[in-house]
Amino acid sequence: MKAKLISGGAQAERQSSAAESVSTNGQRRKTSAGKLDALRKRVDEMKAALEAVQAQERQQEKEDDRRVSALIGAALVADVEAAEPEERARRKAYISEVLARNTIAGPSRAFLRLKGWL
């Protein structure tokens, strides 16, 4: 009988140990799932942050392009205005040719005509 009790006790220990193992595995699964969810959330946050930075860079590039265009235009107009009358007419004619080739939008062409550049 003693042997049965001892072996029964060992079996009970094994069963409780197995139960702990299951609850530990369940706990591990929950912990792993929680970690995965947290990591996925972090990835999504990083993707959103990256997209925001890229959008800012694109916006800055557009602003830089507009500024370059404005500065070049201002320099060309100043160059025409600073020239002697004969040279002024020649420079303005050249710029008018460039504008005629590169200005497509109707309202822009109308505006340039109104201002004497086309």
PDB file of N, CA and C in Angstrom:
ATOM      1  N   MET A   1       0.788  -1.195   0.000  1.00  0.00           N
ATOM      2  CA  MET A   1       0.000   0.000   0.000  1.00  0.00           C
ATOM      3  C   MET A   1       0.836   1.268   0.000  1.00  0.00           C
ATOM      4  N   LYS A   2       1.911   1.204   0.739  1.00  0.00           N
ATOM      5  CA  LYS A   2       2.760   2.367   0.773  1.00  0.00           C
ATOM      6  C   LYS A   2       3.277   2.704  -0.619  1.00  0.00           C
ATOM      7  N   ALA A   3       3.623   1.707  -1.353  1.00  0.00           N
ATOM      8  CA  ALA A   3       4.138   1.921  -2.700  1.00  0.00           C
ATOM      9  C   ALA A   3       3.088   2.584  -3.562  1.00  0.00           C
ATOM     10  N   LYS A   4       1.826   2.158  -3.354  1.00  0.00           N
ATOM     11  CA  LYS A   4       0.767   2.772  -4.130  1.00  0.00           C
ATOM     12  C   LYS A   4       0.606   4.234  -3.766  1.00  0.00           C
ATOM     13  N   LEU A   5       0.729   4.532  -2.502  1.00  0.00           N
ATOM     14  CA  LEU A   5       0.609   5.925  -2.069  1.00  0.00           C
ATOM     15  C   LEU A   5       1.751   6.769  -2.620  1.00  0.00           C
ATOM     16  N   ILE A   6       2.919   6.212  -2.579  1.00  0.00           N
ATOM     17  CA  ILE A   6       4.072   6.960  -3.082  1.00  0.00           C
ATOM     18  C   ILE A   6       3.923   7.171  -4.581  1.00  0.00           C
ATOM     19  N   SER A   7       3.591   6.067  -5.275  1.00  0.00           N
ATOM     20  CA  SER A   7       3.458   6.244  -6.713  1.00  0.00           C
ATOM     21  C   SER A   7       2.263   7.127  -7.026  1.00  0.00           C
ATOM     22  N   GLY A   8       1.201   7.034  -6.240  1.00  0.00           N
ATOM     23  CA  GLY A   8       0.057   7.912  -6.438  1.00  0.00           C
ATOM     24  C   GLY A   8       0.429   9.359  -6.178  1.00  0.00           C
ATOM     25  N   GLY A   9       1.258   9.568  -5.190  1.00  0.00           N
ATOM     26  CA  GLY A   9       1.714  10.923  -4.877  1.00  0.00           C
ATOM     27  C   GLY A   9       2.577  11.483  -5.981  1.00  0.00           C
ATOM     28  N   ALA A  10       3.424  10.637  -6.543  1.00  0.00           N
ATOM     29  CA  ALA A  10       4.284  11.066  -7.646  1.00  0.00           C
ATOM     30  C   ALA A  10       3.434  11.393  -8.868  1.00  0.00           C
ATOM     31  N   GLN A  11       2.385  10.566  -9.069  1.00  0.00           N
ATOM     32  CA  GLN A  11       1.489  10.825 -10.200  1.00  0.00           C
ATOM     33  C   GLN A  11       0.766  12.147 -10.000  1.00  0.00           C
ATOM     34  N   ALA A  12       0.338  12.411  -8.769  1.00  0.00           N
ATOM     35  CA  ALA A  12      -0.342  13.670  -8.463  1.00  0.00           C
ATOM     36  C   ALA A  12       0.600  14.840  -8.690  1.00  0.00           C
ATOM     37  N   GLU A  13       1.876  14.651  -8.326  1.00  0.00           N
ATOM     38  CA  GLU A  13       2.855  15.720  -8.550  1.00  0.00           C
ATOM     39  C   GLU A  13       3.039  15.980 -10.029  1.00  0.00           C
ATOM     40  N   ARG A  14       3.124  14.885 -10.805  1.00  0.00           N
ATOM     41  CA  ARG A  14       3.273  15.032 -12.234  1.00  0.00           C
ATOM     42  C   ARG A  14       2.075  15.751 -12.841  1.00  0.00           C
ATOM     43  N   GLN A  15       0.884  15.419 -12.366  1.00  0.00           N
ATOM     44  CA  GLN A  15      -0.319  16.066 -12.889  1.00  0.00           C
ATOM     45  C   GLN A  15      -0.332  17.543 -12.543  1.00  0.00           C
ATOM     46  N   SER A  16       0.020  17.898 -11.322  1.00  0.00           N
ATOM     47  CA  SER A  16       0.027  19.308 -10.951  1.00  0.00           C
ATOM     48  C   SER A  16       1.135  20.042 -11.705  1.00  0.00           C
ATOM     49  N   SER A  17       2.258  19.365 -11.918  1.00  0.00           N
ATOM     50  CA  SER A  17       3.335  19.966 -12.681  1.00  0.00           C
ATOM     51  C   SER A  17       2.898  20.195 -14.128  1.00  0.00           C
ATOM     52  N   ALA A  18       2.166  19.237 -14.683  1.00  0.00           N
ATOM     53  CA  ALA A  18       1.660  19.377 -16.047  1.00  0.00           C
ATOM     54  C   ALA A  18       0.655  20.511 -16.120  1.00  0.00           C
ATOM     55  N   ALA A  19      -0.183  20.636 -15.093  1.00  0.00           N
ATOM     56  CA  ALA A  19      -1.159  21.726 -15.060  1.00  0.00           C
ATOM     57  C   ALA A  19      -0.444  23.069 -15.014  1.00  0.00           C
ATOM     58  N   GLU A  20       0.632  23.152 -14.216  1.00  0.00           N
ATOM     59  CA  GLU A  20       1.410  24.388 -14.145  1.00  0.00           C
ATOM     60  C   GLU A  20       2.041  24.680 -15.505  1.00  0.00           C
ATOM     61  N   SER A  21       2.533  23.628 -16.152  1.00  0.00           N
ATOM     62  CA  SER A  21       3.146  23.787 -17.456  1.00  0.00           C
ATOM     63  C   SER A  21       2.147  24.323 -18.470  1.00  0.00           C
ATOM     64  N   VAL A  22       0.917  23.813 -18.443  1.00  0.00           N
ATOM     65  CA  VAL A  22      -0.116  24.288 -19.357  1.00  0.00           C
ATOM     66  C   VAL A  22      -0.433  25.736 -19.061  1.00  0.00           C
ATOM     67  N   SER A  23      -0.596  26.052 -17.787  1.00  0.00           N
ATOM     68  CA  SER A  23      -0.918  27.441 -17.481  1.00  0.00           C
ATOM     69  C   SER A  23       0.267  28.339 -17.816  1.00  0.00           C
ATOM     70  N   THR A  24       1.485  27.839 -17.649  1.00  0.00           N
ATOM     71  CA  THR A  24       2.655  28.622 -18.021  1.00  0.00           C
ATOM     72  C   THR A  24       2.703  28.792 -19.535  1.00  0.00           C
ATOM     73  N   ASN A  25       2.433  27.712 -20.278  1.00  0.00           N
ATOM     74  CA  ASN A  25       2.407  27.815 -21.735  1.00  0.00           C
ATOM     75  C   ASN A  25       1.305  28.766 -22.177  1.00  0.00           C
ATOM     76  N   GLY A  26       0.137  28.666 -21.574  1.00  0.00           N
ATOM     77  CA  GLY A  26      -0.952  29.595 -21.885  1.00  0.00           C
ATOM     78  C   GLY A  26      -0.528  31.017 -21.594  1.00  0.00           C
ATOM     79  N   GLN A  27       0.168  31.174 -20.474  1.00  0.00           N
ATOM     80  CA  GLN A  27       0.675  32.494 -20.100  1.00  0.00           C
ATOM     81  C   GLN A  27       1.698  32.951 -21.134  1.00  0.00           C
ATOM     82  N   ARG A  28       2.567  32.022 -21.541  1.00  0.00           N
ATOM     83  CA  ARG A  28       3.574  32.370 -22.546  1.00  0.00           C
ATOM     84  C   ARG A  28       2.910  32.760 -23.860  1.00  0.00           C
ATOM     85  N   ARG A  29       1.888  32.023 -24.229  1.00  0.00           N
ATOM     86  CA  ARG A  29       1.185  32.345 -25.467  1.00  0.00           C
ATOM     87  C   ARG A  29       0.577  33.732 -25.387  1.00  0.00           C
ATOM     88  N   LYS A  30      -0.026  34.021 -24.231  1.00  0.00           N
ATOM     89  CA  LYS A  30      -0.622  35.352 -24.066  1.00  0.00           C
ATOM     90  C   LYS A  30       0.461  36.414 -24.104  1.00  0.00           C
ATOM     91  N   THR A  31       1.572  36.146 -23.435  1.00  0.00           N
ATOM     92  CA  THR A  31       2.666  37.105 -23.413  1.00  0.00           C
ATOM     93  C   THR A  31       3.242  37.279 -24.813  1.00  0.00           C
ATOM     94  N   SER A  32       3.426  36.180 -25.532  1.00  0.00           N
ATOM     95  CA  SER A  32       3.953  36.256 -26.891  1.00  0.00           C
ATOM     96  C   SER A  32       2.988  37.013 -27.798  1.00  0.00           C
ATOM     97  N   ALA A  33       1.703  36.722 -27.663  1.00  0.00           N
ATOM     98  CA  ALA A  33       0.702  37.422 -28.473  1.00  0.00           C
ATOM     99  C   ALA A  33       0.714  38.911 -28.148  1.00  0.00           C
ATOM    100  N   GLY A  34       0.844  39.232 -26.880  1.00  0.00           N
ATOM    101  CA  GLY A  34       0.901  40.635 -26.474  1.00  0.00           C
ATOM    102  C   GLY A  34       2.128  41.328 -27.032  1.00  0.00           C
ATOM    103  N   LYS A  35       3.261  40.613 -27.008  1.00  0.00           N
ATOM    104  CA  LYS A  35       4.494  41.189 -27.555  1.00  0.00           C
ATOM    105  C   LYS A  35       4.364  41.401 -29.062  1.00  0.00           C
ATOM    106  N   LEU A  36       3.789  40.398 -29.743  1.00  0.00           N
ATOM    107  CA  LEU A  36       3.598  40.531 -31.190  1.00  0.00           C
ATOM    108  C   LEU A  36       2.680  41.700 -31.512  1.00  0.00           C
ATOM    109  N   ASP A  37       1.603  41.825 -30.768  1.00  0.00           N
ATOM    110  CA  ASP A  37       0.683  42.944 -30.995  1.00  0.00           C
ATOM    111  C   ASP A  37       1.388  44.270 -30.769  1.00  0.00           C
ATOM    112  N   ALA A  38       2.181  44.340 -29.703  1.00  0.00           N
ATOM    113  CA  ALA A  38       2.907  45.575 -29.405  1.00  0.00           C
ATOM    114  C   ALA A  38       3.909  45.892 -30.517  1.00  0.00           C
ATOM    115  N   LEU A  39       4.592  44.849 -30.996  1.00  0.00           N
ATOM    116  CA  LEU A  39       5.558  45.069 -32.084  1.00  0.00           C
ATOM    117  C   LEU A  39       4.866  45.488 -33.370  1.00  0.00           C
ATOM    118  N   ARG A  40       3.727  44.862 -33.676  1.00  0.00           N
ATOM    119  CA  ARG A  40       2.988  45.255 -34.877  1.00  0.00           C
ATOM    120  C   ARG A  40       2.518  46.699 -34.773  1.00  0.00           C
ATOM    121  N   LYS A  41       2.073  47.071 -33.588  1.00  0.00           N
ATOM    122  CA  LYS A  41       1.630  48.451 -33.372  1.00  0.00           C
ATOM    123  C   LYS A  41       2.800  49.409 -33.574  1.00  0.00           C
ATOM    124  N   ARG A  42       3.960  49.029 -33.059  1.00  0.00           N
ATOM    125  CA  ARG A  42       5.153  49.865 -33.191  1.00  0.00           C
ATOM    126  C   ARG A  42       5.557  50.003 -34.670  1.00  0.00           C
ATOM    127  N   VAL A  43       5.467  48.892 -35.410  1.00  0.00           N
ATOM    128  CA  VAL A  43       5.775  48.927 -36.844  1.00  0.00           C
ATOM    129  C   VAL A  43       4.826  49.887 -37.558  1.00  0.00           C
ATOM    130  N   ASP A  44       3.542  49.790 -37.237  1.00  0.00           N
ATOM    131  CA  ASP A  44       2.561  50.694 -37.861  1.00  0.00           C
ATOM    132  C   ASP A  44       2.867  52.148 -37.528  1.00  0.00           C
ATOM    133  N   GLU A  45       3.253  52.404 -36.266  1.00  0.00           N
ATOM    134  CA  GLU A  45       3.595  53.768 -35.866  1.00  0.00           C
ATOM    135  C   GLU A  45       4.822  54.268 -36.631  1.00  0.00           C
ATOM    136  N   MET A  46       5.809  53.391 -36.792  1.00  0.00           N
ATOM    137  CA  MET A  46       7.027  53.782 -37.507  1.00  0.00           C
ATOM    138  C   MET A  46       6.735  54.027 -38.987  1.00  0.00           C
ATOM    139  N   LYS A  47       5.871  53.203 -39.580  1.00  0.00           N
ATOM    140  CA  LYS A  47       5.487  53.419 -40.975  1.00  0.00           C
ATOM    141  C   LYS A  47       4.788  54.763 -41.137  1.00  0.00           C
ATOM    142  N   ALA A  48       3.895  55.071 -40.201  1.00  0.00           N
ATOM    143  CA  ALA A  48       3.179  56.351 -40.260  1.00  0.00           C
ATOM    144  C   ALA A  48       4.159  57.515 -40.104  1.00  0.00           C
ATOM    145  N   ALA A  49       5.118  57.373 -39.198  1.00  0.00           N
ATOM    146  CA  ALA A  49       6.111  58.426 -39.000  1.00  0.00           C
ATOM    147  C   ALA A  49       6.965  58.598 -40.254  1.00  0.00           C
ATOM    148  N   LEU A  50       7.350  57.492 -40.882  1.00  0.00           N
ATOM    149  CA  LEU A  50       8.138  57.549 -42.111  1.00  0.00           C
ATOM    150  C   LEU A  50       7.361  58.243 -43.223  1.00  0.00           C
ATOM    151  N   GLU A  51       6.098  57.887 -43.374  1.00  0.00           N
ATOM    152  CA  GLU A  51       5.266  58.519 -44.394  1.00  0.00           C
ATOM    153  C   GLU A  51       5.125  60.013 -44.146  1.00  0.00           C
ATOM    154  N   ALA A  52       5.009  60.410 -42.876  1.00  0.00           N
ATOM    155  CA  ALA A  52       4.897  61.831 -42.550  1.00  0.00           C
ATOM    156  C   ALA A  52       6.178  62.576 -42.922  1.00  0.00           C
ATOM    157  N   VAL A  53       7.320  61.979 -42.627  1.00  0.00           N
ATOM    158  CA  VAL A  53       8.594  62.619 -42.967  1.00  0.00           C
ATOM    159  C   VAL A  53       8.750  62.719 -44.485  1.00  0.00           C
ATOM    160  N   GLN A  54       8.383  61.657 -45.191  1.00  0.00           N
ATOM    161  CA  GLN A  54       8.477  61.690 -46.648  1.00  0.00           C
ATOM    162  C   GLN A  54       7.547  62.740 -47.240  1.00  0.00           C
ATOM    163  N   ALA A  55       6.366  62.891 -46.688  1.00  0.00           N
ATOM    164  CA  ALA A  55       5.431  63.916 -47.166  1.00  0.00           C
ATOM    165  C   ALA A  55       6.010  65.311 -46.931  1.00  0.00           C
ATOM    166  N   GLN A  56       6.642  65.505 -45.778  1.00  0.00           N
ATOM    167  CA  GLN A  56       7.269  66.801 -45.495  1.00  0.00           C
ATOM    168  C   GLN A  56       8.401  67.083 -46.485  1.00  0.00           C
ATOM    169  N   GLU A  57       9.186  66.051 -46.798  1.00  0.00           N
ATOM    170  CA  GLU A  57      10.279  66.236 -47.755  1.00  0.00           C
ATOM    171  C   GLU A  57       9.746  66.596 -49.141  1.00  0.00           C
ATOM    172  N   ARG A  58       8.667  65.924 -49.566  1.00  0.00           N
ATOM    173  CA  ARG A  58       8.075  66.249 -50.868  1.00  0.00           C
ATOM    174  C   ARG A  58       7.562  67.684 -50.876  1.00  0.00           C
ATOM    175  N   GLN A  59       6.920  68.090 -49.799  1.00  0.00           N
ATOM    176  CA  GLN A  59       6.403  69.457 -49.695  1.00  0.00           C
ATOM    177  C   GLN A  59       7.546  70.467 -49.749  1.00  0.00           C
ATOM    178  N   GLN A  60       8.639  70.167 -49.050  1.00  0.00           N
ATOM    179  CA  GLN A  60       9.792  71.068 -49.048  1.00  0.00           C
ATOM    180  C   GLN A  60      10.397  71.168 -50.444  1.00  0.00           C
ATOM    181  N   GLU A  61      10.468  70.049 -51.159  1.00  0.00           N
ATOM    182  CA  GLU A  61      10.993  70.066 -52.527  1.00  0.00           C
ATOM    183  C   GLU A  61      10.135  70.948 -53.427  1.00  0.00           C
ATOM    184  N   LYS A  62       8.827  70.854 -53.285  1.00  0.00           N
ATOM    185  CA  LYS A  62       7.933  71.705 -54.087  1.00  0.00           C
ATOM    186  C   LYS A  62       8.163  73.171 -53.767  1.00  0.00           C
ATOM    187  N   GLU A  63       8.271  73.489 -52.483  1.00  0.00           N
ATOM    188  CA  GLU A  63       8.500  74.875 -52.088  1.00  0.00           C
ATOM    189  C   GLU A  63       9.843  75.372 -52.624  1.00  0.00           C
ATOM    190  N   ASP A  64      10.864  74.513 -52.565  1.00  0.00           N
ATOM    191  CA  ASP A  64      12.182  74.892 -53.081  1.00  0.00           C
ATOM    192  C   ASP A  64      12.120  75.144 -54.589  1.00  0.00           C
ATOM    193  N   ASP A  65      11.411  74.281 -55.309  1.00  0.00           N
ATOM    194  CA  ASP A  65      11.278  74.457 -56.760  1.00  0.00           C
ATOM    195  C   ASP A  65      10.583  75.775 -57.087  1.00  0.00           C
ATOM    196  N   ARG A  66       9.531  76.093 -56.347  1.00  0.00           N
ATOM    197  CA  ARG A  66       8.825  77.370 -56.570  1.00  0.00           C
ATOM    198  C   ARG A  66       9.742  78.555 -56.296  1.00  0.00           C
ATOM    199  N   ARG A  67      10.531  78.428 -55.229  1.00  0.00           N
ATOM    200  CA  ARG A  67      11.421  79.532 -54.874  1.00  0.00           C
ATOM    201  C   ARG A  67      12.500  79.727 -55.944  1.00  0.00           C
ATOM    202  N   VAL A  68      13.063  78.612 -56.432  1.00  0.00           N
ATOM    203  CA  VAL A  68      14.070  78.693 -57.497  1.00  0.00           C
ATOM    204  C   VAL A  68      13.474  79.367 -58.722  1.00  0.00           C
ATOM    205  N   SER A  69      12.263  78.948 -59.098  1.00  0.00           N
ATOM    206  CA  SER A  69      11.600  79.538 -60.268  1.00  0.00           C
ATOM    207  C   SER A  69      11.384  81.035 -60.073  1.00  0.00           C
ATOM    208  N   ALA A  70      10.941  81.413 -58.906  1.00  0.00           N
ATOM    209  CA  ALA A  70      10.701  82.832 -58.632  1.00  0.00           C
ATOM    210  C   ALA A  70      12.007  83.628 -58.676  1.00  0.00           C
ATOM    211  N   LEU A  71      13.066  83.065 -58.118  1.00  0.00           N
ATOM    212  CA  LEU A  71      14.351  83.777 -58.121  1.00  0.00           C
ATOM    213  C   LEU A  71      14.917  83.905 -59.530  1.00  0.00           C
ATOM    214  N   ILE A  72      14.813  82.836 -60.317  1.00  0.00           N
ATOM    215  CA  ILE A  72      15.292  82.906 -61.703  1.00  0.00           C
ATOM    216  C   ILE A  72      14.486  83.927 -62.493  1.00  0.00           C
ATOM    217  N   GLY A  73      13.168  83.875 -62.323  1.00  0.00           N
ATOM    218  CA  GLY A  73      12.313  84.839 -63.010  1.00  0.00           C
ATOM    219  C   GLY A  73      12.634  86.270 -62.621  1.00  0.00           C
ATOM    220  N   ALA A  74      12.828  86.494 -61.318  1.00  0.00           N
ATOM    221  CA  ALA A  74      13.148  87.848 -60.854  1.00  0.00           C
ATOM    222  C   ALA A  74      14.488  88.311 -61.412  1.00  0.00           C
ATOM    223  N   ALA A  75      15.444  87.397 -61.484  1.00  0.00           N
ATOM    224  CA  ALA A  75      16.758  87.761 -62.023  1.00  0.00           C
ATOM    225  C   ALA A  75      16.666  88.103 -63.503  1.00  0.00           C
ATOM    226  N   LEU A  76      15.877  87.353 -64.258  1.00  0.00           N
ATOM    227  CA  LEU A  76      15.729  87.635 -65.689  1.00  0.00           C
ATOM    228  C   LEU A  76      15.031  88.971 -65.918  1.00  0.00           C
ATOM    229  N   VAL A  77      13.994  89.243 -65.163  1.00  0.00           N
ATOM    230  CA  VAL A  77      13.293  90.523 -65.295  1.00  0.00           C
ATOM    231  C   VAL A  77      14.235  91.670 -64.927  1.00  0.00           C
ATOM    232  N   ALA A  78      15.003  91.503 -63.849  1.00  0.00           N
ATOM    233  CA  ALA A  78      15.947  92.550 -63.442  1.00  0.00           C
ATOM    234  C   ALA A  78      17.016  92.759 -64.512  1.00  0.00           C
ATOM    235  N   ASP A  79      17.446  91.666 -65.137  1.00  0.00           N
ATOM    236  CA  ASP A  79      18.454  91.767 -66.189  1.00  0.00           C
ATOM    237  C   ASP A  79      17.924  92.558 -67.383  1.00  0.00           C
ATOM    238  N   VAL A  80      16.673  92.287 -67.754  1.00  0.00           N
ATOM    239  CA  VAL A  80      16.060  93.018 -68.869  1.00  0.00           C
ATOM    240  C   VAL A  80      15.943  94.494 -68.512  1.00  0.00           C
ATOM    241  N   GLU A  81      15.454  94.775 -67.328  1.00  0.00           N
ATOM    242  CA  GLU A  81      15.231  96.169 -66.923  1.00  0.00           C
ATOM    243  C   GLU A  81      16.532  96.955 -66.766  1.00  0.00           C
ATOM    244  N   ALA A  82      17.627  96.270 -66.431  1.00  0.00           N
ATOM    245  CA  ALA A  82      18.899  96.965 -66.218  1.00  0.00           C
ATOM    246  C   ALA A  82      19.653  97.229 -67.524  1.00  0.00           C
ATOM    247  N   ALA A  83      19.233  96.611 -68.610  1.00  0.00           N
ATOM    248  CA  ALA A  83      19.957  96.738 -69.885  1.00  0.00           C
ATOM    249  C   ALA A  83      19.652  98.082 -70.554  1.00  0.00           C
ATOM    250  N   GLU A  84      20.546  98.446 -71.456  1.00  0.00           N
ATOM    251  CA  GLU A  84      20.345  99.636 -72.282  1.00  0.00           C
ATOM    252  C   GLU A  84      19.148  99.376 -73.197  1.00  0.00           C
ATOM    253  N   PRO A  85      18.480 100.412 -73.701  1.00  0.00           N
ATOM    254  CA  PRO A  85      17.264 100.226 -74.503  1.00  0.00           C
ATOM    255  C   PRO A  85      17.388  99.225 -75.646  1.00  0.00           C
ATOM    256  N   GLU A  86      18.471  99.294 -76.444  1.00  0.00           N
ATOM    257  CA  GLU A  86      18.615  98.341 -77.555  1.00  0.00           C
ATOM    258  C   GLU A  86      18.764  96.914 -77.035  1.00  0.00           C
ATOM    259  N   GLU A  87      19.609  96.764 -76.052  1.00  0.00           N
ATOM    260  CA  GLU A  87      19.851  95.449 -75.464  1.00  0.00           C
ATOM    261  C   GLU A  87      18.600  94.950 -74.737  1.00  0.00           C
ATOM    262  N   ARG A  88      17.892  95.879 -74.118  1.00  0.00           N
ATOM    263  CA  ARG A  88      16.666  95.519 -73.399  1.00  0.00           C
ATOM    264  C   ARG A  88      15.666  94.856 -74.337  1.00  0.00           C
ATOM    265  N   ALA A  89      15.482  95.419 -75.510  1.00  0.00           N
ATOM    266  CA  ALA A  89      14.530  94.863 -76.476  1.00  0.00           C
ATOM    267  C   ALA A  89      14.971  93.460 -76.914  1.00  0.00           C
ATOM    268  N   ARG A  90      16.265  93.281 -77.122  1.00  0.00           N
ATOM    269  CA  ARG A  90      16.782  91.981 -77.545  1.00  0.00           C
ATOM    270  C   ARG A  90      16.587  90.931 -76.446  1.00  0.00           C
ATOM    271  N   ARG A  91      16.908  91.299 -75.202  1.00  0.00           N
ATOM    272  CA  ARG A  91      16.760  90.372 -74.075  1.00  0.00           C
ATOM    273  C   ARG A  91      15.295  90.022 -73.827  1.00  0.00           C
ATOM    274  N   LYS A  92      14.445  91.045 -73.907  1.00  0.00           N
ATOM    275  CA  LYS A  92      13.019  90.800 -73.685  1.00  0.00           C
ATOM    276  C   LYS A  92      12.448  89.901 -74.777  1.00  0.00           C
ATOM    277  N   ALA A  93      12.904  90.088 -76.007  1.00  0.00           N
ATOM    278  CA  ALA A  93      12.442  89.236 -77.106  1.00  0.00           C
ATOM    279  C   ALA A  93      12.868  87.785 -76.878  1.00  0.00           C
ATOM    280  N   TYR A  94      14.095  87.593 -76.402  1.00  0.00           N
ATOM    281  CA  TYR A  94      14.564  86.231 -76.131  1.00  0.00           C
ATOM    282  C   TYR A  94      13.721  85.571 -75.031  1.00  0.00           C
ATOM    283  N   ILE A  95      13.492  86.311 -73.972  1.00  0.00           N
ATOM    284  CA  ILE A  95      12.688  85.765 -72.858  1.00  0.00           C
ATOM    285  C   ILE A  95      11.259  85.509 -73.323  1.00  0.00           C
ATOM    286  N   SER A  96      10.738  86.369 -74.156  1.00  0.00           N
ATOM    287  CA  SER A  96       9.390  86.161 -74.702  1.00  0.00           C
ATOM    288  C   SER A  96       9.322  84.871 -75.505  1.00  0.00           C
ATOM    289  N   GLU A  97      10.368  84.581 -76.274  1.00  0.00           N
ATOM    290  CA  GLU A  97      10.409  83.315 -77.033  1.00  0.00           C
ATOM    291  C   GLU A  97      10.412  82.109 -76.077  1.00  0.00           C
ATOM    292  N   VAL A  98      11.213  82.203 -75.050  1.00  0.00           N
ATOM    293  CA  VAL A  98      11.283  81.108 -74.062  1.00  0.00           C
ATOM    294  C   VAL A  98       9.926  80.927 -73.391  1.00  0.00           C
ATOM    295  N   LEU A  99       9.293  82.031 -73.020  1.00  0.00           N
ATOM    296  CA  LEU A  99       7.974  81.951 -72.383  1.00  0.00           C
ATOM    297  C   LEU A  99       6.925  81.374 -73.330  1.00  0.00           C
ATOM    298  N   ALA A 100       6.992  81.762 -74.585  1.00  0.00           N
ATOM    299  CA  ALA A 100       6.028  81.261 -75.571  1.00  0.00           C
ATOM    300  C   ALA A 100       6.166  79.747 -75.746  1.00  0.00           C
ATOM    301  N   ARG A 101       7.400  79.245 -75.719  1.00  0.00           N
ATOM    302  CA  ARG A 101       7.613  77.797 -75.868  1.00  0.00           C
ATOM    303  C   ARG A 101       7.198  77.012 -74.631  1.00  0.00           C
ATOM    304  N   ASN A 102       7.299  77.611 -73.468  1.00  0.00           N
ATOM    305  CA  ASN A 102       7.145  76.857 -72.226  1.00  0.00           C
ATOM    306  C   ASN A 102       5.909  77.177 -71.402  1.00  0.00           C
ATOM    307  N   THR A 103       5.137  78.172 -71.808  1.00  0.00           N
ATOM    308  CA  THR A 103       3.928  78.509 -71.066  1.00  0.00           C
ATOM    309  C   THR A 103       2.748  77.928 -71.813  1.00  0.00           C
ATOM    310  N   ILE A 104       2.119  76.928 -71.211  1.00  0.00           N
ATOM    311  CA  ILE A 104       1.048  76.193 -71.878  1.00  0.00           C
ATOM    312  C   ILE A 104      -0.329  76.655 -71.415  1.00  0.00           C
ATOM    313  N   ALA A 105      -0.478  76.895 -70.143  1.00  0.00           N
ATOM    314  CA  ALA A 105      -1.789  77.228 -69.575  1.00  0.00           C
ATOM    315  C   ALA A 105      -2.314  78.540 -70.155  1.00  0.00           C
ATOM    316  N   GLY A 106      -3.541  78.482 -70.616  1.00  0.00           N
ATOM    317  CA  GLY A 106      -4.184  79.657 -71.219  1.00  0.00           C
ATOM    318  C   GLY A 106      -4.205  80.878 -70.325  1.00  0.00           C
ATOM    319  N   PRO A 107      -4.640  80.735 -69.070  1.00  0.00           N
ATOM    320  CA  PRO A 107      -4.657  81.916 -68.190  1.00  0.00           C
ATOM    321  C   PRO A 107      -3.263  82.510 -67.970  1.00  0.00           C
ATOM    322  N   SER A 108      -2.261  81.666 -67.905  1.00  0.00           N
ATOM    323  CA  SER A 108      -0.892  82.166 -67.716  1.00  0.00           C
ATOM    324  C   SER A 108      -0.424  82.919 -68.960  1.00  0.00           C
ATOM    325  N   ARG A 109      -0.728  82.376 -70.125  1.00  0.00           N
ATOM    326  CA  ARG A 109      -0.361  83.041 -71.375  1.00  0.00           C
ATOM    327  C   ARG A 109      -1.066  84.399 -71.483  1.00  0.00           C
ATOM    328  N   ALA A 110      -2.353  84.419 -71.112  1.00  0.00           N
ATOM    329  CA  ALA A 110      -3.124  85.671 -71.163  1.00  0.00           C
ATOM    330  C   ALA A 110      -2.516  86.703 -70.218  1.00  0.00           C
ATOM    331  N   PHE A 111      -2.125  86.271 -69.046  1.00  0.00           N
ATOM    332  CA  PHE A 111      -1.517  87.180 -68.076  1.00  0.00           C
ATOM    333  C   PHE A 111      -0.197  87.736 -68.605  1.00  0.00           C
ATOM    334  N   LEU A 112       0.635  86.859 -69.166  1.00  0.00           N
ATOM    335  CA  LEU A 112       1.932  87.315 -69.697  1.00  0.00           C
ATOM    336  C   LEU A 112       1.746  88.275 -70.877  1.00  0.00           C
ATOM    337  N   ARG A 113       0.723  88.020 -71.695  1.00  0.00           N
ATOM    338  CA  ARG A 113       0.416  88.937 -72.803  1.00  0.00           C
ATOM    339  C   ARG A 113       0.019  90.305 -72.239  1.00  0.00           C
ATOM    340  N   LEU A 114      -0.845  90.281 -71.238  1.00  0.00           N
ATOM    341  CA  LEU A 114      -1.313  91.519 -70.598  1.00  0.00           C
ATOM    342  C   LEU A 114      -0.148  92.321 -70.051  1.00  0.00           C
ATOM    343  N   LYS A 115       0.853  91.628 -69.531  1.00  0.00           N
ATOM    344  CA  LYS A 115       2.011  92.304 -68.935  1.00  0.00           C
ATOM    345  C   LYS A 115       3.114  92.614 -69.957  1.00  0.00           C
ATOM    346  N   GLY A 116       2.876  92.253 -71.219  1.00  0.00           N
ATOM    347  CA  GLY A 116       3.834  92.594 -72.273  1.00  0.00           C
ATOM    348  C   GLY A 116       4.976  91.611 -72.434  1.00  0.00           C
ATOM    349  N   TRP A 117       4.860  90.400 -71.927  1.00  0.00           N
ATOM    350  CA  TRP A 117       5.930  89.433 -72.042  1.00  0.00           C
ATOM    351  C   TRP A 117       5.699  88.391 -73.124  1.00  0.00           C
ATOM    352  N   LEU A 118       4.516  88.356 -73.700  1.00  0.00           N
ATOM    353  CA  LEU A 118       4.247  87.441 -74.821  1.00  0.00           C
ATOM    354  C   LEU A 118       3.745  88.236 -76.014  1.00  0.00           C
TER     355      LEU A 118
END
